Amino acid sequence: MNGINTIAIHNTCEDSLLASPLIIDLVILTELMTRITYSTNDNEKYQSFEAVLSILSYLLKAPLVPSGTPVINALFKQHRCITNIFSACAGIAMDTDMLLEHKTKLPKPMKIQF
């Protein structure tokens, strides 16, 4: 029983090769989001999106969102969010899946206390 055993391991990184277009899209989308700034009537100073870019959740397995932001796992809502943000940048009418109040530093709606 004192035979010699040989183990051959080959790693072709097929998963990494398949993920490379997604990684390129993530980098491009992140870079585009850093270029977008906005201003409101209340504050004329231009601001950027939150540091946690939840818009990238469309390309990721587990979405990361800022504290207090609802997590959206629906693929089509995530896609419409990206589409609507770019439509807003182009001045085209948009839907309501953008959730800009959670992606920007816009003032949150005030709670009414009785």
N, C-alpha and C. Protein backbone atom coordinates (compact mmCIF):
# COMPACT_ATOMS: atom_id res chain seq x y z
N MET A 1 0.80 -1.20 0.00
CA MET A 1 0.00 0.00 0.00
C MET A 1 0.85 1.27 0.00
N ASN A 2 2.09 1.21 -0.21
CA ASN A 2 2.94 2.40 -0.20
C ASN A 2 3.07 2.98 -1.60
N GLY A 3 1.96 3.07 -2.31
CA GLY A 3 1.98 3.62 -3.66
C GLY A 3 2.10 5.14 -3.65
N ILE A 4 2.42 5.70 -4.76
CA ILE A 4 2.54 7.15 -4.91
C ILE A 4 1.26 7.66 -5.56
N ASN A 5 0.67 8.66 -4.94
CA ASN A 5 -0.56 9.28 -5.45
C ASN A 5 -0.23 10.64 -6.05
N THR A 6 -0.83 10.92 -7.15
CA THR A 6 -0.64 12.21 -7.80
C THR A 6 -1.99 12.91 -7.91
N ILE A 7 -2.03 14.15 -7.49
CA ILE A 7 -3.25 14.95 -7.60
C ILE A 7 -2.97 16.08 -8.58
N ALA A 8 -3.78 16.17 -9.60
CA ALA A 8 -3.64 17.24 -10.59
C ALA A 8 -4.81 18.20 -10.44
N ILE A 9 -4.51 19.47 -10.26
CA ILE A 9 -5.55 20.49 -10.11
C ILE A 9 -5.37 21.52 -11.22
N HIS A 10 -6.44 21.77 -11.94
CA HIS A 10 -6.44 22.77 -13.00
C HIS A 10 -7.50 23.81 -12.68
N ASN A 11 -7.12 25.06 -12.69
CA ASN A 11 -8.04 26.15 -12.42
C ASN A 11 -8.09 27.04 -13.66
N THR A 12 -9.19 26.99 -14.36
CA THR A 12 -9.31 27.81 -15.57
C THR A 12 -10.03 29.13 -15.32
N CYS A 13 -10.48 29.35 -14.09
CA CYS A 13 -11.13 30.62 -13.71
C CYS A 13 -12.31 30.96 -14.62
N GLU A 14 -13.12 29.97 -14.93
CA GLU A 14 -14.26 30.24 -15.82
C GLU A 14 -15.23 31.24 -15.22
N ASP A 15 -15.45 31.15 -13.90
CA ASP A 15 -16.37 32.10 -13.27
C ASP A 15 -15.83 33.53 -13.37
N SER A 16 -14.54 33.68 -13.17
CA SER A 16 -13.95 35.02 -13.26
C SER A 16 -14.03 35.57 -14.68
N LEU A 17 -13.85 34.70 -15.65
CA LEU A 17 -13.94 35.15 -17.04
C LEU A 17 -15.36 35.58 -17.38
N LEU A 18 -16.33 34.87 -16.84
CA LEU A 18 -17.73 35.23 -17.11
C LEU A 18 -18.12 36.52 -16.39
N ALA A 19 -17.47 36.81 -15.27
CA ALA A 19 -17.82 37.99 -14.49
C ALA A 19 -17.14 39.26 -14.98
N SER A 20 -16.15 39.15 -15.85
CA SER A 20 -15.40 40.35 -16.25
C SER A 20 -16.27 41.41 -16.94
N PRO A 21 -17.25 41.08 -17.78
CA PRO A 21 -18.11 42.14 -18.32
C PRO A 21 -18.92 42.85 -17.24
N LEU A 22 -19.36 42.10 -16.21
CA LEU A 22 -20.09 42.73 -15.11
C LEU A 22 -19.20 43.68 -14.33
N ILE A 23 -17.95 43.29 -14.13
CA ILE A 23 -17.02 44.14 -13.40
C ILE A 23 -16.77 45.43 -14.18
N ILE A 24 -16.62 45.32 -15.49
CA ILE A 24 -16.43 46.51 -16.32
C ILE A 24 -17.67 47.41 -16.23
N ASP A 25 -18.87 46.82 -16.30
CA ASP A 25 -20.10 47.61 -16.18
C ASP A 25 -20.19 48.29 -14.81
N LEU A 26 -19.78 47.59 -13.75
CA LEU A 26 -19.80 48.18 -12.41
C LEU A 26 -18.88 49.39 -12.33
N VAL A 27 -17.70 49.27 -12.90
CA VAL A 27 -16.75 50.39 -12.87
C VAL A 27 -17.29 51.57 -13.66
N ILE A 28 -17.83 51.32 -14.84
CA ILE A 28 -18.36 52.41 -15.68
C ILE A 28 -19.55 53.08 -15.01
N LEU A 29 -20.47 52.27 -14.46
CA LEU A 29 -21.65 52.83 -13.80
C LEU A 29 -21.26 53.63 -12.56
N THR A 30 -20.31 53.12 -11.80
CA THR A 30 -19.83 53.85 -10.61
C THR A 30 -19.21 55.18 -11.01
N GLU A 31 -18.41 55.17 -12.04
CA GLU A 31 -17.76 56.39 -12.50
C GLU A 31 -18.80 57.41 -12.99
N LEU A 32 -19.82 56.94 -13.69
CA LEU A 32 -20.88 57.85 -14.15
C LEU A 32 -21.65 58.45 -12.97
N MET A 33 -21.91 57.64 -11.94
CA MET A 33 -22.65 58.13 -10.78
C MET A 33 -21.84 59.18 -10.00
N THR A 34 -20.51 59.08 -10.04
CA THR A 34 -19.71 60.10 -9.36
C THR A 34 -19.72 61.43 -10.10
N ARG A 35 -20.07 61.43 -11.37
CA ARG A 35 -20.13 62.67 -12.16
C ARG A 35 -21.44 63.41 -11.99
N ILE A 36 -22.48 62.73 -11.53
CA ILE A 36 -23.80 63.36 -11.41
C ILE A 36 -23.89 64.15 -10.11
N THR A 37 -24.25 65.41 -10.22
CA THR A 37 -24.52 66.25 -9.06
C THR A 37 -25.89 66.90 -9.24
N TYR A 38 -26.47 67.33 -8.15
CA TYR A 38 -27.81 67.92 -8.20
C TYR A 38 -27.89 69.05 -7.18
N SER A 39 -28.91 69.86 -7.34
CA SER A 39 -29.17 70.94 -6.40
C SER A 39 -30.68 71.07 -6.25
N THR A 40 -31.12 71.56 -5.11
CA THR A 40 -32.55 71.74 -4.86
C THR A 40 -32.84 73.23 -4.69
N ASN A 41 -34.11 73.56 -4.61
CA ASN A 41 -34.50 74.96 -4.40
C ASN A 41 -34.06 75.44 -3.02
N ASP A 42 -34.07 74.54 -2.03
CA ASP A 42 -33.69 74.91 -0.67
C ASP A 42 -32.19 75.13 -0.53
N ASN A 43 -31.40 74.37 -1.27
CA ASN A 43 -29.94 74.43 -1.15
C ASN A 43 -29.36 74.55 -2.55
N GLU A 44 -28.73 75.66 -2.83
CA GLU A 44 -28.19 75.88 -4.16
C GLU A 44 -26.83 75.23 -4.36
N LYS A 45 -26.26 74.68 -3.29
CA LYS A 45 -24.97 73.99 -3.39
C LYS A 45 -25.19 72.62 -4.03
N TYR A 46 -24.37 72.28 -5.00
CA TYR A 46 -24.51 70.99 -5.68
C TYR A 46 -23.99 69.87 -4.80
N GLN A 47 -24.72 68.74 -4.82
CA GLN A 47 -24.38 67.57 -4.01
C GLN A 47 -24.29 66.35 -4.89
N SER A 48 -23.63 65.31 -4.38
CA SER A 48 -23.52 64.03 -5.08
C SER A 48 -24.45 63.01 -4.44
N PHE A 49 -24.51 61.83 -5.02
CA PHE A 49 -25.28 60.74 -4.44
C PHE A 49 -24.64 60.28 -3.13
N GLU A 50 -25.37 59.48 -2.37
CA GLU A 50 -24.82 58.88 -1.15
C GLU A 50 -23.59 58.06 -1.50
N ALA A 51 -22.71 57.87 -0.53
CA ALA A 51 -21.47 57.12 -0.78
C ALA A 51 -21.76 55.66 -1.11
N VAL A 52 -22.80 55.10 -0.50
CA VAL A 52 -23.20 53.73 -0.82
C VAL A 52 -24.10 53.81 -2.05
N LEU A 53 -23.61 53.39 -3.18
CA LEU A 53 -24.37 53.48 -4.43
C LEU A 53 -25.29 52.27 -4.56
N SER A 54 -26.49 52.39 -4.01
CA SER A 54 -27.42 51.27 -4.09
C SER A 54 -27.91 51.03 -5.52
N ILE A 55 -27.64 51.98 -6.41
CA ILE A 55 -27.99 51.78 -7.82
C ILE A 55 -27.23 50.60 -8.41
N LEU A 56 -26.07 50.27 -7.84
CA LEU A 56 -25.26 49.16 -8.34
C LEU A 56 -25.85 47.80 -7.98
N SER A 57 -26.89 47.77 -7.15
CA SER A 57 -27.46 46.49 -6.73
C SER A 57 -28.01 45.69 -7.90
N TYR A 58 -28.29 46.35 -9.01
CA TYR A 58 -28.76 45.65 -10.21
C TYR A 58 -27.72 44.66 -10.72
N LEU A 59 -26.45 44.98 -10.53
CA LEU A 59 -25.37 44.13 -11.03
C LEU A 59 -24.75 43.26 -9.95
N LEU A 60 -25.24 43.34 -8.73
CA LEU A 60 -24.66 42.58 -7.62
C LEU A 60 -25.65 41.58 -7.06
N LYS A 61 -25.13 40.59 -6.37
CA LYS A 61 -25.99 39.53 -5.83
C LYS A 61 -26.75 39.99 -4.59
N ALA A 62 -26.06 40.66 -3.67
CA ALA A 62 -26.69 41.13 -2.44
C ALA A 62 -26.59 42.65 -2.39
N PRO A 63 -27.72 43.36 -2.54
CA PRO A 63 -27.66 44.82 -2.56
C PRO A 63 -27.26 45.41 -1.22
N LEU A 64 -26.43 46.43 -1.26
CA LEU A 64 -26.03 47.18 -0.08
C LEU A 64 -26.66 48.56 -0.19
N VAL A 65 -27.32 48.99 0.88
CA VAL A 65 -28.02 50.27 0.86
C VAL A 65 -27.62 51.08 2.10
N PRO A 66 -27.76 52.40 2.04
CA PRO A 66 -27.49 53.22 3.23
C PRO A 66 -28.49 52.90 4.34
N SER A 67 -28.14 53.25 5.54
CA SER A 67 -29.00 53.01 6.70
C SER A 67 -30.35 53.71 6.51
N GLY A 68 -31.43 53.00 6.80
CA GLY A 68 -32.77 53.56 6.68
C GLY A 68 -33.36 53.50 5.29
N THR A 69 -32.67 52.90 4.35
CA THR A 69 -33.14 52.80 2.97
C THR A 69 -33.78 51.44 2.74
N PRO A 70 -34.92 51.39 2.08
CA PRO A 70 -35.52 50.07 1.80
C PRO A 70 -34.67 49.30 0.79
N VAL A 71 -34.51 48.01 1.04
CA VAL A 71 -33.76 47.14 0.13
C VAL A 71 -34.70 46.69 -0.97
N ILE A 72 -34.32 46.91 -2.21
CA ILE A 72 -35.12 46.51 -3.37
C ILE A 72 -34.43 45.33 -4.02
N ASN A 73 -35.08 44.16 -3.99
CA ASN A 73 -34.51 42.96 -4.60
C ASN A 73 -35.14 42.64 -5.95
N ALA A 74 -36.17 43.37 -6.34
CA ALA A 74 -36.85 43.11 -7.60
C ALA A 74 -35.98 43.60 -8.76
N LEU A 75 -35.63 42.69 -9.64
CA LEU A 75 -34.70 42.99 -10.73
C LEU A 75 -35.22 44.10 -11.63
N PHE A 76 -36.51 44.06 -11.98
CA PHE A 76 -37.04 45.06 -12.89
C PHE A 76 -37.12 46.44 -12.24
N LYS A 77 -37.39 46.52 -10.94
CA LYS A 77 -37.38 47.82 -10.26
C LYS A 77 -35.97 48.38 -10.22
N GLN A 78 -34.97 47.52 -10.00
CA GLN A 78 -33.58 47.98 -10.00
C GLN A 78 -33.19 48.49 -11.40
N HIS A 79 -33.64 47.79 -12.43
CA HIS A 79 -33.34 48.20 -13.80
C HIS A 79 -34.01 49.53 -14.13
N ARG A 80 -35.28 49.67 -13.73
CA ARG A 80 -36.00 50.93 -13.99
C ARG A 80 -35.37 52.09 -13.23
N CYS A 81 -34.83 51.82 -12.06
CA CYS A 81 -34.16 52.87 -11.30
C CYS A 81 -32.99 53.44 -12.09
N ILE A 82 -32.16 52.55 -12.64
CA ILE A 82 -31.02 53.00 -13.45
C ILE A 82 -31.51 53.76 -14.68
N THR A 83 -32.50 53.20 -15.35
CA THR A 83 -33.06 53.83 -16.55
C THR A 83 -33.62 55.21 -16.24
N ASN A 84 -34.35 55.32 -15.14
CA ASN A 84 -34.98 56.59 -14.79
C ASN A 84 -33.97 57.65 -14.36
N ILE A 85 -32.91 57.23 -13.68
CA ILE A 85 -31.89 58.21 -13.29
C ILE A 85 -31.21 58.78 -14.53
N PHE A 86 -30.89 57.92 -15.49
CA PHE A 86 -30.28 58.43 -16.72
C PHE A 86 -31.29 59.23 -17.55
N SER A 87 -32.56 58.86 -17.49
CA SER A 87 -33.59 59.65 -18.18
C SER A 87 -33.70 61.04 -17.56
N ALA A 88 -33.62 61.11 -16.23
CA ALA A 88 -33.67 62.41 -15.55
C ALA A 88 -32.47 63.27 -15.95
N CYS A 89 -31.31 62.65 -16.10
CA CYS A 89 -30.12 63.40 -16.52
C CYS A 89 -30.29 63.94 -17.94
N ALA A 90 -31.04 63.22 -18.76
CA ALA A 90 -31.26 63.65 -20.14
C ALA A 90 -32.49 64.55 -20.27
N GLY A 91 -33.22 64.77 -19.16
CA GLY A 91 -34.40 65.61 -19.20
C GLY A 91 -35.64 64.91 -19.70
N ILE A 92 -35.66 63.59 -19.65
CA ILE A 92 -36.80 62.79 -20.09
C ILE A 92 -37.66 62.45 -18.88
N ALA A 93 -38.98 62.37 -19.06
CA ALA A 93 -39.88 62.02 -17.96
C ALA A 93 -39.54 60.65 -17.39
N MET A 94 -39.81 60.47 -16.08
CA MET A 94 -39.40 59.25 -15.40
C MET A 94 -40.55 58.59 -14.66
N ASP A 95 -40.29 57.37 -14.17
CA ASP A 95 -41.25 56.65 -13.32
C ASP A 95 -40.95 56.97 -11.86
N THR A 96 -41.53 56.18 -10.96
CA THR A 96 -41.36 56.46 -9.53
C THR A 96 -40.43 55.49 -8.82
N ASP A 97 -39.73 54.62 -9.52
CA ASP A 97 -38.86 53.65 -8.86
C ASP A 97 -37.47 54.19 -8.58
N MET A 98 -37.27 55.47 -8.71
CA MET A 98 -35.93 56.03 -8.50
C MET A 98 -35.55 56.07 -7.03
N LEU A 99 -36.51 56.32 -6.13
CA LEU A 99 -36.25 56.44 -4.70
C LEU A 99 -35.11 57.42 -4.43
N LEU A 100 -35.17 58.57 -5.07
CA LEU A 100 -34.10 59.55 -4.93
C LEU A 100 -33.92 60.04 -3.50
N GLU A 101 -34.98 59.99 -2.70
CA GLU A 101 -34.84 60.46 -1.32
C GLU A 101 -33.90 59.57 -0.52
N HIS A 102 -33.64 58.36 -1.00
CA HIS A 102 -32.73 57.46 -0.30
C HIS A 102 -31.35 57.42 -0.94
N LYS A 103 -31.22 57.88 -2.15
CA LYS A 103 -29.93 57.83 -2.85
C LYS A 103 -29.20 59.17 -2.81
N THR A 104 -29.90 60.20 -2.37
CA THR A 104 -29.32 61.53 -2.33
C THR A 104 -29.41 62.08 -0.91
N LYS A 105 -28.95 63.27 -0.75
CA LYS A 105 -29.03 63.92 0.56
C LYS A 105 -30.17 64.93 0.59
N LEU A 106 -31.23 64.64 -0.17
CA LEU A 106 -32.40 65.51 -0.16
C LEU A 106 -33.05 65.46 1.21
N PRO A 107 -33.74 66.53 1.61
CA PRO A 107 -34.42 66.49 2.91
C PRO A 107 -35.48 65.40 2.92
N LYS A 108 -35.52 64.65 4.01
CA LYS A 108 -36.52 63.59 4.18
C LYS A 108 -37.87 64.23 4.51
N PRO A 109 -38.98 63.57 4.13
CA PRO A 109 -40.29 64.11 4.49
C PRO A 109 -40.43 64.20 6.01
N MET A 110 -41.02 65.30 6.48
CA MET A 110 -41.18 65.48 7.93
C MET A 110 -42.34 64.65 8.43
N LYS A 111 -42.18 64.11 9.65
CA LYS A 111 -43.26 63.36 10.28
C LYS A 111 -44.17 64.35 11.00
N ILE A 112 -45.47 64.12 10.88
CA ILE A 112 -46.45 64.99 11.53
C ILE A 112 -46.78 64.39 12.88
N GLN A 113 -46.62 65.19 13.93
CA GLN A 113 -46.94 64.74 15.28
C GLN A 113 -48.16 65.48 15.77
N PHE A 114 -49.06 64.76 16.42
CA PHE A 114 -50.28 65.37 16.94
C PHE A 114 -50.20 65.49 18.43
